[in-house]
PDB file of N, CA and C in Angstrom:
ATOM      1  N   MET A   1      75.270  34.591  27.021  1.00  0.00           N
ATOM      2  CA  MET A   1      76.416  35.528  27.451  1.00  0.00           C
ATOM      3  C   MET A   1      76.078  36.753  27.101  1.00  0.00           C
ATOM      4  N   ASP A   2      75.830  37.840  27.841  1.00  0.00           N
ATOM      5  CA  ASP A   2      75.811  39.525  27.726  1.00  0.00           C
ATOM      6  C   ASP A   2      76.999  39.901  26.921  1.00  0.00           C
ATOM      7  N   ASN A   3      76.549  41.043  26.236  1.00  0.00           N
ATOM      8  CA  ASN A   3      77.843  41.736  25.301  1.00  0.00           C
ATOM      9  C   ASN A   3      78.809  41.839  26.226  1.00  0.00           C
ATOM     10  N   PRO A   4      80.136  41.463  26.681  1.00  0.00           N
ATOM     11  CA  PRO A   4      81.080  41.758  27.379  1.00  0.00           C
ATOM     12  C   PRO A   4      81.788  43.138  26.658  1.00  0.00           C
ATOM     13  N   PHE A   5      81.623  43.647  25.692  1.00  0.00           N
ATOM     14  CA  PHE A   5      82.377  44.644  24.739  1.00  0.00           C
ATOM     15  C   PHE A   5      81.271  45.588  23.944  1.00  0.00           C
ATOM     16  N   PRO A   6      80.688  46.292  24.997  1.00  0.00           N
ATOM     17  CA  PRO A   6      79.377  47.358  24.781  1.00  0.00           C
ATOM     18  C   PRO A   6      79.977  48.194  23.566  1.00  0.00           C
ATOM     19  N   GLU A   7      81.347  48.556  23.489  1.00  0.00           N
ATOM     20  CA  GLU A   7      81.585  49.858  22.331  1.00  0.00           C
ATOM     21  C   GLU A   7      81.470  49.029  21.160  1.00  0.00           C
ATOM     22  N   TYR A   8      81.312  47.335  21.208  1.00  0.00           N
ATOM     23  CA  TYR A   8      81.333  47.154  19.655  1.00  0.00           C
ATOM     24  C   TYR A   8      80.117  46.540  19.379  1.00  0.00           C
ATOM     25  N   GLN A   9      79.401  46.597  18.199  1.00  0.00           N
ATOM     26  CA  GLN A   9      78.191  46.282  18.036  1.00  0.00           C
ATOM     27  C   GLN A   9      78.370  45.078  16.833  1.00  0.00           C
ATOM     28  N   ARG A  10      79.596  44.846  16.141  1.00  0.00           N
ATOM     29  CA  ARG A  10      79.605  43.580  15.341  1.00  0.00           C
ATOM     30  C   ARG A  10      80.821  42.528  15.932  1.00  0.00           C
ATOM     31  N   PHE A  11      80.270  41.336  15.835  1.00  0.00           N
ATOM     32  CA  PHE A  11      81.211  40.392  16.200  1.00  0.00           C
ATOM     33  C   PHE A  11      81.411  39.371  15.252  1.00  0.00           C
ATOM     34  N   CYS A  12      82.673  38.592  15.169  1.00  0.00           N
ATOM     35  CA  CYS A  12      83.042  37.045  14.195  1.00  0.00           C
ATOM     36  C   CYS A  12      81.576  36.599  14.139  1.00  0.00           C
ATOM     37  N   GLN A  13      81.001  35.925  13.258  1.00  0.00           N
ATOM     38  CA  GLN A  13      80.298  34.986  13.335  1.00  0.00           C
ATOM     39  C   GLN A  13      80.730  33.359  13.139  1.00  0.00           C
ATOM     40  N   SER A  14      81.833  33.176  13.752  1.00  0.00           N
ATOM     41  CA  SER A  14      82.496  32.266  14.005  1.00  0.00           C
ATOM     42  C   SER A  14      83.151  31.937  15.477  1.00  0.00           C
ATOM     43  N   CYS A  15      83.991  33.017  15.868  1.00  0.00           N
ATOM     44  CA  CYS A  15      84.641  32.727  17.394  1.00  0.00           C
ATOM     45  C   CYS A  15      84.193  33.881  17.945  1.00  0.00           C
ATOM     46  N   GLY A  16      83.186  34.862  17.523  1.00  0.00           N
ATOM     47  CA  GLY A  16      82.713  35.653  18.553  1.00  0.00           C
ATOM     48  C   GLY A  16      83.698  36.730  18.741  1.00  0.00           C
ATOM     49  N   MET A  17      84.881  37.183  18.148  1.00  0.00           N
ATOM     50  CA  MET A  17      85.571  38.337  18.370  1.00  0.00           C
ATOM     51  C   MET A  17      84.920  39.363  17.872  1.00  0.00           C
ATOM     52  N   PRO A  18      85.173  40.457  18.692  1.00  0.00           N
ATOM     53  CA  PRO A  18      84.745  42.072  18.607  1.00  0.00           C
ATOM     54  C   PRO A  18      85.353  42.273  16.929  1.00  0.00           C
ATOM     55  N   LEU A  19      84.579  42.747  15.942  1.00  0.00           N
ATOM     56  CA  LEU A  19      85.097  42.922  14.447  1.00  0.00           C
ATOM     57  C   LEU A  19      85.269  44.268  14.416  1.00  0.00           C
ATOM     58  N   THR A  20      86.744  44.619  14.511  1.00  0.00           N
ATOM     59  CA  THR A  20      87.090  45.780  14.047  1.00  0.00           C
ATOM     60  C   THR A  20      88.118  45.967  13.295  1.00  0.00           C
ATOM     61  N   ASP A  21      88.148  46.994  12.549  1.00  0.00           N
ATOM     62  CA  ASP A  21      88.622  47.252  11.095  1.00  0.00           C
ATOM     63  C   ASP A  21      89.985  46.508  11.066  1.00  0.00           C
ATOM     64  N   GLU A  22      90.985  46.282  12.047  1.00  0.00           N
ATOM     65  CA  GLU A  22      92.170  45.696  12.203  1.00  0.00           C
ATOM     66  C   GLU A  22      91.945  44.212  11.923  1.00  0.00           C
ATOM     67  N   VAL A  23      91.020  43.536  12.449  1.00  0.00           N
ATOM     68  CA  VAL A  23      90.770  42.338  12.261  1.00  0.00           C
ATOM     69  C   VAL A  23      89.567  41.754  11.241  1.00  0.00           C
ATOM     70  N   VAL A  24      88.679  42.551  10.742  1.00  0.00           N
ATOM     71  CA  VAL A  24      87.635  41.724   9.848  1.00  0.00           C
ATOM     72  C   VAL A  24      88.285  41.311   8.399  1.00  0.00           C
ATOM     73  N   SER A  25      87.686  40.387   8.160  1.00  0.00           N
ATOM     74  CA  SER A  25      88.051  39.922   6.724  1.00  0.00           C
ATOM     75  C   SER A  25      87.492  40.116   5.603  1.00  0.00           C
ATOM     76  N   ASP A  26      87.912  39.777   4.271  1.00  0.00           N
ATOM     77  CA  ASP A  26      86.936  39.967   3.199  1.00  0.00           C
ATOM     78  C   ASP A  26      85.477  39.694   3.170  1.00  0.00           C
ATOM     79  N   ASN A  27      84.897  38.916   4.315  1.00  0.00           N
ATOM     80  CA  ASN A  27      83.830  38.959   4.647  1.00  0.00           C
ATOM     81  C   ASN A  27      83.220  39.574   5.781  1.00  0.00           C
ATOM     82  N   PRO A  28      82.393  40.674   5.713  1.00  0.00           N
ATOM     83  CA  PRO A  28      82.458  41.358   6.895  1.00  0.00           C
ATOM     84  C   PRO A  28      81.780  40.839   8.178  1.00  0.00           C
ATOM     85  N   GLU A  29      81.401  39.597   8.132  1.00  0.00           N
ATOM     86  CA  GLU A  29      80.638  38.926   8.813  1.00  0.00           C
ATOM     87  C   GLU A  29      81.853  38.063   9.684  1.00  0.00           C
ATOM     88  N   TYR A  30      82.822  37.832   9.340  1.00  0.00           N
ATOM     89  CA  TYR A  30      83.870  37.324  10.196  1.00  0.00           C
ATOM     90  C   TYR A  30      85.021  37.829  10.309  1.00  0.00           C
ATOM     91  N   CYS A  31      86.436  37.501  11.250  1.00  0.00           N
ATOM     92  CA  CYS A  31      87.227  38.032  11.801  1.00  0.00           C
ATOM     93  C   CYS A  31      88.209  37.417  10.687  1.00  0.00           C
ATOM     94  N   LYS A  32      89.651  37.728  10.518  1.00  0.00           N
ATOM     95  CA  LYS A  32      90.336  37.454   9.349  1.00  0.00           C
ATOM     96  C   LYS A  32      91.354  36.184   9.892  1.00  0.00           C
ATOM     97  N   TYR A  33      90.957  35.787  10.922  1.00  0.00           N
ATOM     98  CA  TYR A  33      91.651  34.527  12.007  1.00  0.00           C
ATOM     99  C   TYR A  33      90.816  33.084  11.527  1.00  0.00           C
ATOM    100  N   CYS A  34      89.390  33.585  11.332  1.00  0.00           N
ATOM    101  CA  CYS A  34      88.512  32.479  10.942  1.00  0.00           C
ATOM    102  C   CYS A  34      87.993  32.254   9.417  1.00  0.00           C
ATOM    103  N   PHE A  35      88.111  33.620   8.566  1.00  0.00           N
ATOM    104  CA  PHE A  35      87.940  33.462   7.239  1.00  0.00           C
ATOM    105  C   PHE A  35      88.611  34.272   6.416  1.00  0.00           C
ATOM    106  N   ALA A  36      89.141  33.621   5.229  1.00  0.00           N
ATOM    107  CA  ALA A  36      90.128  34.428   4.173  1.00  0.00           C
ATOM    108  C   ALA A  36      89.868  33.578   3.067  1.00  0.00           C
ATOM    109  N   ASP A  37      90.493  34.601   2.138  1.00  0.00           N
ATOM    110  CA  ASP A  37      90.435  33.615   0.967  1.00  0.00           C
ATOM    111  C   ASP A  37      89.055  33.308   0.314  1.00  0.00           C
ATOM    112  N   GLY A  38      87.931  33.824   1.161  1.00  0.00           N
ATOM    113  CA  GLY A  38      86.657  33.039   0.663  1.00  0.00           C
ATOM    114  C   GLY A  38      86.082  31.902   1.341  1.00  0.00           C
ATOM    115  N   LYS A  39      86.882  31.372   2.443  1.00  0.00           N
ATOM    116  CA  LYS A  39      86.539  30.378   3.038  1.00  0.00           C
ATOM    117  C   LYS A  39      87.053  30.445   4.356  1.00  0.00           C
ATOM    118  N   PHE A  40      86.513  29.416   5.370  1.00  0.00           N
ATOM    119  CA  PHE A  40      86.832  29.185   6.880  1.00  0.00           C
ATOM    120  C   PHE A  40      88.383  29.011   6.755  1.00  0.00           C
ATOM    121  N   THR A  41      89.092  29.351   7.829  1.00  0.00           N
ATOM    122  CA  THR A  41      90.484  29.127   7.765  1.00  0.00           C
ATOM    123  C   THR A  41      91.117  27.944   8.388  1.00  0.00           C
ATOM    124  N   GLN A  42      89.683  27.246   9.371  1.00  0.00           N
ATOM    125  CA  GLN A  42      89.981  26.132   9.975  1.00  0.00           C
ATOM    126  C   GLN A  42      88.493  25.048   9.751  1.00  0.00           C
ATOM    127  N   ASP A  43      88.728  24.013   9.477  1.00  0.00           N
ATOM    128  CA  ASP A  43      87.620  23.145   9.492  1.00  0.00           C
ATOM    129  C   ASP A  43      87.411  22.241  10.927  1.00  0.00           C
ATOM    130  N   CYS A  44      86.629  23.045  11.776  1.00  0.00           N
ATOM    131  CA  CYS A  44      86.297  22.605  13.157  1.00  0.00           C
ATOM    132  C   CYS A  44      84.659  22.401  13.620  1.00  0.00           C
ATOM    133  N   THR A  45      84.769  22.105  14.725  1.00  0.00           N
ATOM    134  CA  THR A  45      83.514  21.808  15.314  1.00  0.00           C
ATOM    135  C   THR A  45      83.523  22.801  16.078  1.00  0.00           C
ATOM    136  N   MET A  46      82.295  23.118  16.931  1.00  0.00           N
ATOM    137  CA  MET A  46      81.922  23.955  17.540  1.00  0.00           C
ATOM    138  C   MET A  46      82.879  24.103  18.714  1.00  0.00           C
ATOM    139  N   GLU A  47      82.605  22.647  19.045  1.00  0.00           N
ATOM    140  CA  GLU A  47      83.622  22.303  20.374  1.00  0.00           C
ATOM    141  C   GLU A  47      85.143  22.509  20.137  1.00  0.00           C
ATOM    142  N   GLN A  48      85.637  22.605  19.013  1.00  0.00           N
ATOM    143  CA  GLN A  48      87.035  22.872  18.944  1.00  0.00           C
ATOM    144  C   GLN A  48      87.363  24.277  18.939  1.00  0.00           C
ATOM    145  N   MET A  49      86.459  24.810  18.251  1.00  0.00           N
ATOM    146  CA  MET A  49      86.477  26.437  18.203  1.00  0.00           C
ATOM    147  C   MET A  49      86.591  26.983  19.671  1.00  0.00           C
ATOM    148  N   ILE A  50      85.618  26.444  20.697  1.00  0.00           N
ATOM    149  CA  ILE A  50      85.793  26.544  21.992  1.00  0.00           C
ATOM    150  C   ILE A  50      86.801  26.682  22.643  1.00  0.00           C
ATOM    151  N   GLU A  51      87.479  25.683  22.414  1.00  0.00           N
ATOM    152  CA  GLU A  51      88.987  25.238  22.930  1.00  0.00           C
ATOM    153  C   GLU A  51      89.901  26.212  22.328  1.00  0.00           C
ATOM    154  N   VAL A  52      89.726  26.717  20.945  1.00  0.00           N
ATOM    155  CA  VAL A  52      90.766  27.822  20.364  1.00  0.00           C
ATOM    156  C   VAL A  52      90.582  29.214  20.956  1.00  0.00           C
ATOM    157  N   CYS A  53      89.343  29.150  21.691  1.00  0.00           N
ATOM    158  CA  CYS A  53      89.103  30.632  22.143  1.00  0.00           C
ATOM    159  C   CYS A  53      89.700  30.685  23.834  1.00  0.00           C
ATOM    160  N   VAL A  54      89.415  29.271  24.280  1.00  0.00           N
ATOM    161  CA  VAL A  54      89.645  29.183  25.550  1.00  0.00           C
ATOM    162  C   VAL A  54      91.257  29.717  25.939  1.00  0.00           C
ATOM    163  N   GLN A  55      92.332  29.417  24.724  1.00  0.00           N
ATOM    164  CA  GLN A  55      93.548  29.526  25.069  1.00  0.00           C
ATOM    165  C   GLN A  55      93.679  31.184  25.243  1.00  0.00           C
ATOM    166  N   PHE A  56      92.993  32.265  24.949  1.00  0.00           N
ATOM    167  CA  PHE A  56      92.913  33.332  24.894  1.00  0.00           C
ATOM    168  C   PHE A  56      92.110  33.818  26.430  1.00  0.00           C
ATOM    169  N   LEU A  57      91.795  33.194  26.929  1.00  0.00           N
ATOM    170  CA  LEU A  57      91.118  33.567  28.464  1.00  0.00           C
ATOM    171  C   LEU A  57      91.729  34.718  29.106  1.00  0.00           C
ATOM    172  N   ASP A  58      92.985  34.878  29.298  1.00  0.00           N
ATOM    173  CA  ASP A  58      93.685  35.778  29.995  1.00  0.00           C
ATOM    174  C   ASP A  58      93.316  36.909  29.435  1.00  0.00           C
ATOM    175  N   GLU A  59      93.527  37.008  28.109  1.00  0.00           N
ATOM    176  CA  GLU A  59      93.295  38.302  27.288  1.00  0.00           C
ATOM    177  C   GLU A  59      91.783  38.760  27.519  1.00  0.00           C
ATOM    178  N   PHE A  60      91.068  37.982  27.436  1.00  0.00           N
ATOM    179  CA  PHE A  60      89.284  37.916  27.362  1.00  0.00           C
ATOM    180  C   PHE A  60      89.357  38.785  28.715  1.00  0.00           C
ATOM    181  N   ASN A  61      89.683  38.011  29.959  1.00  0.00           N
ATOM    182  CA  ASN A  61      89.529  38.410  31.138  1.00  0.00           C
ATOM    183  C   ASN A  61      90.059  39.867  31.345  1.00  0.00           C
ATOM    184  N   LYS A  62      91.509  40.157  30.631  1.00  0.00           N
ATOM    185  CA  LYS A  62      91.789  41.621  31.029  1.00  0.00           C
ATOM    186  C   LYS A  62      91.114  42.714  30.235  1.00  0.00           C
ATOM    187  N   ASN A  63      90.453  42.082  28.950  1.00  0.00           N
ATOM    188  CA  ASN A  63      90.119  43.367  28.281  1.00  0.00           C
ATOM    189  C   ASN A  63      88.476  43.200  28.874  1.00  0.00           C
ATOM    190  N   THR A  64      87.600  42.481  29.754  1.00  0.00           N
ATOM    191  CA  THR A  64      86.622  42.811  29.970  1.00  0.00           C
ATOM    192  C   THR A  64      86.630  42.874  31.666  1.00  0.00           C
ATOM    193  N   GLY A  65      87.724  43.039  32.609  1.00  0.00           N
ATOM    194  CA  GLY A  65      87.745  43.217  33.698  1.00  0.00           C
ATOM    195  C   GLY A  65      86.890  41.998  34.647  1.00  0.00           C
ATOM    196  N   LEU A  66      86.685  40.629  34.001  1.00  0.00           N
ATOM    197  CA  LEU A  66      85.986  39.556  34.320  1.00  0.00           C
ATOM    198  C   LEU A  66      87.051  39.007  34.830  1.00  0.00           C
ATOM    199  N   ASN A  67      87.027  37.477  35.594  1.00  0.00           N
ATOM    200  CA  ASN A  67      87.999  36.899  36.450  1.00  0.00           C
ATOM    201  C   ASN A  67      87.371  35.324  35.934  1.00  0.00           C
ATOM    202  N   LEU A  68      87.009  34.853  34.698  1.00  0.00           N
ATOM    203  CA  LEU A  68      86.339  33.619  34.778  1.00  0.00           C
ATOM    204  C   LEU A  68      87.824  32.504  34.209  1.00  0.00           C
ATOM    205  N   THR A  69      87.118  31.549  35.143  1.00  0.00           N
ATOM    206  CA  THR A  69      87.834  30.334  35.089  1.00  0.00           C
ATOM    207  C   THR A  69      87.650  29.623  33.567  1.00  0.00           C
ATOM    208  N   ALA A  70      88.694  28.756  33.038  1.00  0.00           N
ATOM    209  CA  ALA A  70      88.434  28.366  31.843  1.00  0.00           C
ATOM    210  C   ALA A  70      87.003  27.488  31.639  1.00  0.00           C
ATOM    211  N   ASP A  71      86.624  26.713  32.798  1.00  0.00           N
ATOM    212  CA  ASP A  71      85.170  26.055  32.720  1.00  0.00           C
ATOM    213  C   ASP A  71      84.250  26.760  32.695  1.00  0.00           C
ATOM    214  N   GLU A  72      84.361  27.942  33.238  1.00  0.00           N
ATOM    215  CA  GLU A  72      83.372  29.176  33.591  1.00  0.00           C
ATOM    216  C   GLU A  72      83.079  29.598  31.865  1.00  0.00           C
ATOM    217  N   TYR A  73      84.620  29.825  31.263  1.00  0.00           N
ATOM    218  CA  TYR A  73      84.094  30.454  30.004  1.00  0.00           C
ATOM    219  C   TYR A  73      84.076  29.443  28.647  1.00  0.00           C
ATOM    220  N   ARG A  74      84.355  28.248  29.083  1.00  0.00           N
ATOM    221  CA  ARG A  74      83.641  27.211  27.950  1.00  0.00           C
ATOM    222  C   ARG A  74      82.147  27.215  28.139  1.00  0.00           C
ATOM    223  N   GLU A  75      81.712  27.540  29.607  1.00  0.00           N
ATOM    224  CA  GLU A  75      80.097  26.914  29.350  1.00  0.00           C
ATOM    225  C   GLU A  75      79.560  28.468  28.801  1.00  0.00           C
ATOM    226  N   GLN A  76      80.109  29.310  29.105  1.00  0.00           N
ATOM    227  CA  GLN A  76      79.680  30.576  28.536  1.00  0.00           C
ATOM    228  C   GLN A  76      79.719  30.621  26.920  1.00  0.00           C
ATOM    229  N   LEU A  77      80.647  30.235  26.752  1.00  0.00           N
ATOM    230  CA  LEU A  77      80.856  30.013  24.923  1.00  0.00           C
ATOM    231  C   LEU A  77      80.140  29.104  24.374  1.00  0.00           C
ATOM    232  N   ARG A  78      80.044  27.976  25.250  1.00  0.00           N
ATOM    233  CA  ARG A  78      78.803  26.715  24.662  1.00  0.00           C
ATOM    234  C   ARG A  78      77.146  27.342  24.669  1.00  0.00           C
ATOM    235  N   GLN A  79      77.042  28.600  25.529  1.00  0.00           N
ATOM    236  CA  GLN A  79      75.546  29.083  25.270  1.00  0.00           C
ATOM    237  C   GLN A  79      75.725  30.099  24.340  1.00  0.00           C
ATOM    238  N   TYR A  80      76.818  30.725  24.083  1.00  0.00           N
ATOM    239  CA  TYR A  80      77.069  31.764  23.194  1.00  0.00           C
ATOM    240  C   TYR A  80      77.217  31.397  21.531  1.00  0.00           C
ATOM    241  N   PHE A  81      77.836  30.585  21.479  1.00  0.00           N
ATOM    242  CA  PHE A  81      78.031  30.177  20.112  1.00  0.00           C
ATOM    243  C   PHE A  81      76.845  30.014  19.292  1.00  0.00           C
ATOM    244  N   PRO A  82      75.923  28.841  19.559  1.00  0.00           N
ATOM    245  CA  PRO A  82      74.825  28.642  18.812  1.00  0.00           C
ATOM    246  C   PRO A  82      74.204  29.872  18.381  1.00  0.00           C
ATOM    247  N   THR A  83      74.417  31.027  18.852  1.00  0.00           N
ATOM    248  CA  THR A  83      73.741  32.032  18.418  1.00  0.00           C
ATOM    249  C   THR A  83      74.474  33.131  16.959  1.00  0.00           C
ATOM    250  N   LEU A  84      75.545  32.292  17.021  1.00  0.00           N
ATOM    251  CA  LEU A  84      76.654  32.758  15.872  1.00  0.00           C
ATOM    252  C   LEU A  84      76.360  32.103  14.507  1.00  0.00           C
ATOM    253  N   LYS A  85      76.423  32.934  13.481  1.00  0.00           N
ATOM    254  CA  LYS A  85      75.932  32.496  12.199  1.00  0.00           C
ATOM    255  C   LYS A  85      76.598  30.979  11.718  1.00  0.00           C
ATOM    256  N   ARG A  86      77.735  30.753  12.014  1.00  0.00           N
ATOM    257  CA  ARG A  86      78.365  29.530  11.427  1.00  0.00           C
ATOM    258  C   ARG A  86      78.123  28.463  12.386  1.00  0.00           C
ATOM    259  N   TRP A  87      77.841  28.309  13.574  1.00  0.00           N
ATOM    260  CA  TRP A  87      77.344  27.175  14.381  1.00  0.00           C
ATOM    261  C   TRP A  87      75.989  27.054  14.489  1.00  0.00           C
ATOM    262  N   GLN A  88      74.851  28.000  13.871  1.00  0.00           N
ATOM    263  CA  GLN A  88      73.535  27.781  14.401  1.00  0.00           C
ATOM    264  C   GLN A  88      73.104  26.487  13.025  1.00  0.00           C
ATOM    265  N   LYS A  89      72.154  26.112  13.689  1.00  0.00           N
ATOM    266  CA  LYS A  89      71.785  24.602  13.228  1.00  0.00           C
ATOM    267  C   LYS A  89      70.860  24.811  11.769  1.00  0.00           C
ATOM    268  N   LYS A  90      71.046  24.160  10.745  1.00  0.00           N
ATOM    269  CA  LYS A  90      70.763  24.473   9.435  1.00  0.00           C
ATOM    270  C   LYS A  90      69.125  23.603   8.997  1.00  0.00           C
TER     271      LYS A  90
END
């Protein structure tokens, strides 16, 4: 998935949210919703994280000008998430 937020260069390495000063955690690679107090806030699989993100599809579409369906968004996230640090195979 191409960067839908070209004004942002950094993204949470767990959920893909653009990292702004308001949402960055104590670890600069993650947002405060995914990482706090030195650990991940949720113990989840990549598929579970995708389902969390799909809940915010309306906001994503509004912010990007896109009109993705939930299934289209899921598929894009399945392609994108493996590029994020948390989900890379070790």
